[in-house]
Structure formats: C-alpha cells, structure tokens
PDB file of N, CA and C in Angstrom:
ATOM      1  N   MET A   1     -22.177   2.795 -24.489  1.00  0.00           N
ATOM      2  CA  MET A   1     -21.564   1.812 -23.622  1.00  0.00           C
ATOM      3  C   MET A   1     -22.671   0.904 -23.080  1.00  0.00           C
ATOM      4  N   ASN A   2     -22.550  -0.394 -23.309  1.00  0.00           N
ATOM      5  CA  ASN A   2     -23.588  -1.302 -22.816  1.00  0.00           C
ATOM      6  C   ASN A   2     -23.233  -1.812 -21.415  1.00  0.00           C
ATOM      7  N   LEU A   3     -24.125  -2.586 -20.838  1.00  0.00           N
ATOM      8  CA  LEU A   3     -23.938  -3.047 -19.464  1.00  0.00           C
ATOM      9  C   LEU A   3     -22.748  -3.987 -19.321  1.00  0.00           C
ATOM     10  N   GLY A   4     -22.446  -4.777 -20.336  1.00  0.00           N
ATOM     11  CA  GLY A   4     -21.288  -5.672 -20.278  1.00  0.00           C
ATOM     12  C   GLY A   4     -19.982  -4.904 -20.160  1.00  0.00           C
ATOM     13  N   ASP A   5     -19.876  -3.802 -20.914  1.00  0.00           N
ATOM     14  CA  ASP A   5     -18.674  -2.967 -20.835  1.00  0.00           C
ATOM     15  C   ASP A   5     -18.527  -2.313 -19.474  1.00  0.00           C
ATOM     16  N   ILE A   6     -19.629  -1.849 -18.936  1.00  0.00           N
ATOM     17  CA  ILE A   6     -19.592  -1.214 -17.611  1.00  0.00           C
ATOM     18  C   ILE A   6     -19.214  -2.244 -16.550  1.00  0.00           C
ATOM     19  N   GLY A   7     -19.727  -3.464 -16.677  1.00  0.00           N
ATOM     20  CA  GLY A   7     -19.390  -4.523 -15.732  1.00  0.00           C
ATOM     21  C   GLY A   7     -17.903  -4.861 -15.767  1.00  0.00           C
ATOM     22  N   ARG A   8     -17.337  -4.964 -16.983  1.00  0.00           N
ATOM     23  CA  ARG A   8     -15.903  -5.245 -17.103  1.00  0.00           C
ATOM     24  C   ARG A   8     -15.078  -4.110 -16.510  1.00  0.00           C
ATOM     25  N   LEU A   9     -15.508  -2.874 -16.729  1.00  0.00           N
ATOM     26  CA  LEU A   9     -14.808  -1.719 -16.180  1.00  0.00           C
ATOM     27  C   LEU A   9     -14.823  -1.754 -14.651  1.00  0.00           C
ATOM     28  N   LEU A  10     -15.978  -2.060 -14.065  1.00  0.00           N
ATOM     29  CA  LEU A  10     -16.081  -2.127 -12.609  1.00  0.00           C
ATOM     30  C   LEU A  10     -15.235  -3.262 -12.041  1.00  0.00           C
ATOM     31  N   LEU A  11     -15.202  -4.409 -12.713  1.00  0.00           N
ATOM     32  CA  LEU A  11     -14.359  -5.516 -12.252  1.00  0.00           C
ATOM     33  C   LEU A  11     -12.880  -5.148 -12.322  1.00  0.00           C
ATOM     34  N   THR A  12     -12.476  -4.490 -13.396  1.00  0.00           N
ATOM     35  CA  THR A  12     -11.087  -4.070 -13.527  1.00  0.00           C
ATOM     36  C   THR A  12     -10.714  -3.075 -12.439  1.00  0.00           C
ATOM     37  N   LEU A  13     -11.582  -2.109 -12.187  1.00  0.00           N
ATOM     38  CA  LEU A  13     -11.316  -1.125 -11.131  1.00  0.00           C
ATOM     39  C   LEU A  13     -11.253  -1.806  -9.765  1.00  0.00           C
ATOM     40  N   GLY A  14     -12.110  -2.786  -9.525  1.00  0.00           N
ATOM     41  CA  GLY A  14     -12.091  -3.507  -8.259  1.00  0.00           C
ATOM     42  C   GLY A  14     -10.788  -4.269  -8.048  1.00  0.00           C
ATOM     43  N   VAL A  15     -10.295  -4.899  -9.111  1.00  0.00           N
ATOM     44  CA  VAL A  15      -9.026  -5.629  -9.014  1.00  0.00           C
ATOM     45  C   VAL A  15      -7.885  -4.651  -8.757  1.00  0.00           C
ATOM     46  N   LEU A  16      -7.897  -3.499  -9.414  1.00  0.00           N
ATOM     47  CA  LEU A  16      -6.845  -2.500  -9.197  1.00  0.00           C
ATOM     48  C   LEU A  16      -6.867  -1.961  -7.776  1.00  0.00           C
ATOM     49  N   VAL A  17      -8.041  -1.730  -7.229  1.00  0.00           N
ATOM     50  CA  VAL A  17      -8.153  -1.248  -5.845  1.00  0.00           C
ATOM     51  C   VAL A  17      -7.657  -2.321  -4.872  1.00  0.00           C
ATOM     52  N   ALA A  18      -7.992  -3.597  -5.139  1.00  0.00           N
ATOM     53  CA  ALA A  18      -7.526  -4.682  -4.275  1.00  0.00           C
ATOM     54  C   ALA A  18      -6.005  -4.801  -4.319  1.00  0.00           C
ATOM     55  N   LEU A  19      -5.411  -4.666  -5.514  1.00  0.00           N
ATOM     56  CA  LEU A  19      -3.956  -4.708  -5.634  1.00  0.00           C
ATOM     57  C   LEU A  19      -3.300  -3.540  -4.905  1.00  0.00           C
ATOM     58  N   ALA A  20      -3.886  -2.362  -5.016  1.00  0.00           N
ATOM     59  CA  ALA A  20      -3.346  -1.201  -4.312  1.00  0.00           C
ATOM     60  C   ALA A  20      -3.414  -1.422  -2.800  1.00  0.00           C
ATOM     61  N   GLY A  21      -4.498  -1.996  -2.317  1.00  0.00           N
ATOM     62  CA  GLY A  21      -4.616  -2.294  -0.893  1.00  0.00           C
ATOM     63  C   GLY A  21      -3.582  -3.302  -0.431  1.00  0.00           C
ATOM     64  N   ALA A  22      -3.347  -4.329  -1.248  1.00  0.00           N
ATOM     65  CA  ALA A  22      -2.337  -5.331  -0.899  1.00  0.00           C
ATOM     66  C   ALA A  22      -0.945  -4.706  -0.865  1.00  0.00           C
ATOM     67  N   LEU A  23      -0.668  -3.807  -1.795  1.00  0.00           N
ATOM     68  CA  LEU A  23       0.625  -3.121  -1.796  1.00  0.00           C
ATOM     69  C   LEU A  23       0.796  -2.259  -0.550  1.00  0.00           C
ATOM     70  N   LEU A  24      -0.258  -1.594  -0.128  1.00  0.00           N
ATOM     71  CA  LEU A  24      -0.179  -0.752   1.070  1.00  0.00           C
ATOM     72  C   LEU A  24       0.032  -1.596   2.326  1.00  0.00           C
ATOM     73  N   VAL A  25      -0.624  -2.733   2.414  1.00  0.00           N
ATOM     74  CA  VAL A  25      -0.425  -3.625   3.560  1.00  0.00           C
ATOM     75  C   VAL A  25       1.011  -4.128   3.568  1.00  0.00           C
ATOM     76  N   GLY A  26       1.522  -4.520   2.405  1.00  0.00           N
ATOM     77  CA  GLY A  26       2.911  -4.978   2.312  1.00  0.00           C
ATOM     78  C   GLY A  26       3.904  -3.888   2.660  1.00  0.00           C
ATOM     79  N   ALA A  27       3.629  -2.665   2.219  1.00  0.00           N
ATOM     80  CA  ALA A  27       4.516  -1.544   2.525  1.00  0.00           C
ATOM     81  C   ALA A  27       4.534  -1.261   4.023  1.00  0.00           C
ATOM     82  N   ASP A  28       3.389  -1.411   4.667  1.00  0.00           N
ATOM     83  CA  ASP A  28       3.326  -1.194   6.118  1.00  0.00           C
ATOM     84  C   ASP A  28       4.152  -2.246   6.852  1.00  0.00           C
ATOM     85  N   ARG A  29       4.102  -3.474   6.381  1.00  0.00           N
ATOM     86  CA  ARG A  29       4.885  -4.539   7.020  1.00  0.00           C
ATOM     87  C   ARG A  29       6.378  -4.348   6.801  1.00  0.00           C
ATOM     88  N   LEU A  30       6.756  -3.701   5.695  1.00  0.00           N
ATOM     89  CA  LEU A  30       8.173  -3.437   5.433  1.00  0.00           C
ATOM     90  C   LEU A  30       8.689  -2.224   6.204  1.00  0.00           C
ATOM     91  N   GLY A  31       7.798  -1.447   6.791  1.00  0.00           N
ATOM     92  CA  GLY A  31       8.214  -0.290   7.571  1.00  0.00           C
ATOM     93  C   GLY A  31       8.201   1.015   6.798  1.00  0.00           C
ATOM     94  N   LEU A  32       7.715   0.989   5.557  1.00  0.00           N
ATOM     95  CA  LEU A  32       7.626   2.244   4.816  1.00  0.00           C
ATOM     96  C   LEU A  32       6.617   3.151   5.510  1.00  0.00           C
ATOM     97  N   GLY A  33       6.958   4.403   5.616  1.00  0.00           N
ATOM     98  CA  GLY A  33       6.108   5.339   6.338  1.00  0.00           C
ATOM     99  C   GLY A  33       6.647   5.656   7.717  1.00  0.00           C
ATOM    100  N   ARG A  34       7.632   4.880   8.156  1.00  0.00           N
ATOM    101  CA  ARG A  34       8.252   5.120   9.460  1.00  0.00           C
ATOM    102  C   ARG A  34       9.772   5.147   9.327  1.00  0.00           C
ATOM    103  N   LEU A  35      10.261   5.588   8.197  1.00  0.00           N
ATOM    104  CA  LEU A  35      11.700   5.661   7.973  1.00  0.00           C
ATOM    105  C   LEU A  35      12.289   6.862   8.707  1.00  0.00           C
ATOM    106  N   PRO A  36      13.599   6.861   8.977  1.00  0.00           N
ATOM    107  CA  PRO A  36      14.218   7.953   9.734  1.00  0.00           C
ATOM    108  C   PRO A  36      14.075   9.339   9.102  1.00  0.00           C
ATOM    109  N   GLY A  37      13.942   9.433   7.782  1.00  0.00           N
ATOM    110  CA  GLY A  37      13.823  10.742   7.135  1.00  0.00           C
ATOM    111  C   GLY A  37      12.402  11.268   7.033  1.00  0.00           C
ATOM    112  N   ASP A  38      11.421  10.515   7.516  1.00  0.00           N
ATOM    113  CA  ASP A  38      10.027  10.954   7.483  1.00  0.00           C
ATOM    114  C   ASP A  38       9.778  11.911   8.641  1.00  0.00           C
ATOM    115  N   LEU A  39       9.221  13.059   8.335  1.00  0.00           N
ATOM    116  CA  LEU A  39       9.014  14.103   9.340  1.00  0.00           C
ATOM    117  C   LEU A  39       7.583  14.059   9.866  1.00  0.00           C
ATOM    118  N   ARG A  40       7.461  14.170  11.181  1.00  0.00           N
ATOM    119  CA  ARG A  40       6.143  14.211  11.829  1.00  0.00           C
ATOM    120  C   ARG A  40       6.123  15.363  12.813  1.00  0.00           C
ATOM    121  N   PHE A  41       5.103  16.164  12.709  1.00  0.00           N
ATOM    122  CA  PHE A  41       4.910  17.280  13.628  1.00  0.00           C
ATOM    123  C   PHE A  41       3.500  17.186  14.179  1.00  0.00           C
ATOM    124  N   GLY A  42       3.330  17.559  15.414  1.00  0.00           N
ATOM    125  CA  GLY A  42       1.998  17.535  15.983  1.00  0.00           C
ATOM    126  C   GLY A  42       1.873  18.479  17.152  1.00  0.00           C
ATOM    127  N   SER A  43       0.682  19.056  17.252  1.00  0.00           N
ATOM    128  CA  SER A  43       0.383  19.940  18.364  1.00  0.00           C
ATOM    129  C   SER A  43      -1.129  19.941  18.558  1.00  0.00           C
ATOM    130  N   GLY A  44      -1.571  19.440  19.677  1.00  0.00           N
ATOM    131  CA  GLY A  44      -3.013  19.410  19.926  1.00  0.00           C
ATOM    132  C   GLY A  44      -3.712  18.466  18.965  1.00  0.00           C
ATOM    133  N   ASN A  45      -4.688  19.007  18.243  1.00  0.00           N
ATOM    134  CA  ASN A  45      -5.455  18.212  17.288  1.00  0.00           C
ATOM    135  C   ASN A  45      -4.861  18.225  15.881  1.00  0.00           C
ATOM    136  N   VAL A  46      -3.776  18.936  15.678  1.00  0.00           N
ATOM    137  CA  VAL A  46      -3.190  19.077  14.342  1.00  0.00           C
ATOM    138  C   VAL A  46      -1.963  18.184  14.230  1.00  0.00           C
ATOM    139  N   ARG A  47      -1.939  17.377  13.184  1.00  0.00           N
ATOM    140  CA  ARG A  47      -0.783  16.519  12.912  1.00  0.00           C
ATOM    141  C   ARG A  47      -0.378  16.704  11.455  1.00  0.00           C
ATOM    142  N   VAL A  48       0.923  16.858  11.239  1.00  0.00           N
ATOM    143  CA  VAL A  48       1.462  17.018   9.887  1.00  0.00           C
ATOM    144  C   VAL A  48       2.492  15.916   9.673  1.00  0.00           C
ATOM    145  N   TYR A  49       2.378  15.222   8.565  1.00  0.00           N
ATOM    146  CA  TYR A  49       3.280  14.126   8.238  1.00  0.00           C
ATOM    147  C   TYR A  49       3.860  14.388   6.855  1.00  0.00           C
ATOM    148  N   VAL A  50       5.195  14.410   6.763  1.00  0.00           N
ATOM    149  CA  VAL A  50       5.884  14.645   5.493  1.00  0.00           C
ATOM    150  C   VAL A  50       6.805  13.446   5.235  1.00  0.00           C
ATOM    151  N   PRO A  51       6.392  12.526   4.347  1.00  0.00           N
ATOM    152  CA  PRO A  51       7.163  11.292   4.128  1.00  0.00           C
ATOM    153  C   PRO A  51       8.301  11.475   3.131  1.00  0.00           C
ATOM    154  N   LEU A  52       9.338  12.210   3.493  1.00  0.00           N
ATOM    155  CA  LEU A  52      10.439  12.480   2.569  1.00  0.00           C
ATOM    156  C   LEU A  52      11.219  11.215   2.221  1.00  0.00           C
ATOM    157  N   ALA A  53      11.653  10.470   3.208  1.00  0.00           N
ATOM    158  CA  ALA A  53      12.457   9.272   2.959  1.00  0.00           C
ATOM    159  C   ALA A  53      11.638   8.206   2.232  1.00  0.00           C
ATOM    160  N   THR A  54      10.396   8.031   2.621  1.00  0.00           N
ATOM    161  CA  THR A  54       9.542   7.053   1.956  1.00  0.00           C
ATOM    162  C   THR A  54       9.340   7.425   0.496  1.00  0.00           C
ATOM    163  N   SER A  55       9.147   8.705   0.214  1.00  0.00           N
ATOM    164  CA  SER A  55       8.974   9.157  -1.171  1.00  0.00           C
ATOM    165  C   SER A  55      10.218   8.881  -1.996  1.00  0.00           C
ATOM    166  N   LEU A  56      11.388   9.111  -1.423  1.00  0.00           N
ATOM    167  CA  LEU A  56      12.625   8.842  -2.145  1.00  0.00           C
ATOM    168  C   LEU A  56      12.810   7.352  -2.432  1.00  0.00           C
ATOM    169  N   VAL A  57      12.514   6.503  -1.449  1.00  0.00           N
ATOM    170  CA  VAL A  57      12.659   5.058  -1.637  1.00  0.00           C
ATOM    171  C   VAL A  57      11.681   4.556  -2.696  1.00  0.00           C
ATOM    172  N   VAL A  58      10.430   4.965  -2.621  1.00  0.00           N
ATOM    173  CA  VAL A  58       9.431   4.532  -3.599  1.00  0.00           C
ATOM    174  C   VAL A  58       9.800   5.028  -4.997  1.00  0.00           C
ATOM    175  N   SER A  59      10.258   6.264  -5.101  1.00  0.00           N
ATOM    176  CA  SER A  59      10.664   6.808  -6.394  1.00  0.00           C
ATOM    177  C   SER A  59      11.837   6.039  -6.983  1.00  0.00           C
ATOM    178  N   LEU A  60      12.814   5.708  -6.168  1.00  0.00           N
ATOM    179  CA  LEU A  60      13.972   4.960  -6.638  1.00  0.00           C
ATOM    180  C   LEU A  60      13.578   3.556  -7.119  1.00  0.00           C
ATOM    181  N   VAL A  61      12.753   2.873  -6.344  1.00  0.00           N
ATOM    182  CA  VAL A  61      12.323   1.520  -6.721  1.00  0.00           C
ATOM    183  C   VAL A  61      11.504   1.551  -8.004  1.00  0.00           C
ATOM    184  N   LEU A  62      10.571   2.487  -8.112  1.00  0.00           N
ATOM    185  CA  LEU A  62       9.759   2.584  -9.328  1.00  0.00           C
ATOM    186  C   LEU A  62      10.593   2.952 -10.544  1.00  0.00           C
ATOM    187  N   THR A  63      11.575   3.830 -10.378  1.00  0.00           N
ATOM    188  CA  THR A  63      12.451   4.200 -11.482  1.00  0.00           C
ATOM    189  C   THR A  63      13.227   2.991 -11.984  1.00  0.00           C
ATOM    190  N   ILE A  64      13.757   2.204 -11.077  1.00  0.00           N
ATOM    191  CA  ILE A  64      14.517   1.013 -11.470  1.00  0.00           C
ATOM    192  C   ILE A  64      13.601   0.003 -12.167  1.00  0.00           C
ATOM    193  N   LEU A  65      12.430  -0.272 -11.595  1.00  0.00           N
ATOM    194  CA  LEU A  65      11.519  -1.241 -12.190  1.00  0.00           C
ATOM    195  C   LEU A  65      11.035  -0.805 -13.566  1.00  0.00           C
ATOM    196  N   LEU A  66      10.656   0.461 -13.699  1.00  0.00           N
ATOM    197  CA  LEU A  66      10.163   0.941 -14.992  1.00  0.00           C
ATOM    198  C   LEU A  66      11.261   0.949 -16.045  1.00  0.00           C
ATOM    199  N   ASN A  67      12.492   1.257 -15.645  1.00  0.00           N
ATOM    200  CA  ASN A  67      13.602   1.195 -16.598  1.00  0.00           C
ATOM    201  C   ASN A  67      13.879  -0.235 -17.038  1.00  0.00           C
ATOM    202  N   LEU A  68      13.718  -1.197 -16.152  1.00  0.00           N
ATOM    203  CA  LEU A  68      13.917  -2.588 -16.527  1.00  0.00           C
ATOM    204  C   LEU A  68      12.836  -3.086 -17.484  1.00  0.00           C
ATOM    205  N   PHE A  69      11.584  -2.685 -17.253  1.00  0.00           N
ATOM    206  CA  PHE A  69      10.479  -3.165 -18.079  1.00  0.00           C
ATOM    207  C   PHE A  69      10.362  -2.449 -19.423  1.00  0.00           C
ATOM    208  N   PHE A  70      10.687  -1.173 -19.467  1.00  0.00           N
ATOM    209  CA  PHE A  70      10.486  -0.399 -20.688  1.00  0.00           C
ATOM    210  C   PHE A  70      11.780  -0.018 -21.372  1.00  0.00           C
ATOM    211  N   ARG A  71      12.814  -0.780 -21.161  1.00  0.00           N
ATOM    212  CA  ARG A  71      14.098  -0.511 -21.784  1.00  0.00           C
ATOM    213  C   ARG A  71      14.027  -0.843 -23.271  1.00  0.00           C
ATOM    214  N   ARG A  72      14.638  -0.015 -24.091  1.00  0.00           N
ATOM    215  CA  ARG A  72      14.601  -0.230 -25.553  1.00  0.00           C
ATOM    216  C   ARG A  72      15.755  -1.044 -26.004  1.00  0.00           C
TER     217      ARG A  72
END
C-alpha cells in the first residue's frame, strides 16, 4: 500500500465520520434519544440509558430506506 492509497483511505474515513456526526446532530434536533419509550435509570453516580423507542424508530426507517434502494 503506497502513501496515495493511505491518504485516500484517511480522507474517506474522515468524510464518513463527518457524515455520522451530522446525522447525530440532526437526530438530536429531531428529538431522537428522548422518545417516550426510552428508559432512563439513575442512582448516585450510575446512570443507565436503554433507548428502546429510538432503536425501533431507527430500525424501521433504515428497513424502509434499504428496501427502497435495494429492491429487485
């Protein structure tokens, strides 16, 4: 692997990380992570967060999008 290939790989990874960050910011603005079915428990210094409703919504949206794009 030469330096040009490594540079392209690093640029691609950087773009993917930036896109993931933009998606997370957008999801926060939409309220994902604070849905009524998301469970939060806390006591003292220990906090447990179980995003059940958020997981279901994300799974449903991804299933629909992937079925639309990869339909035969």
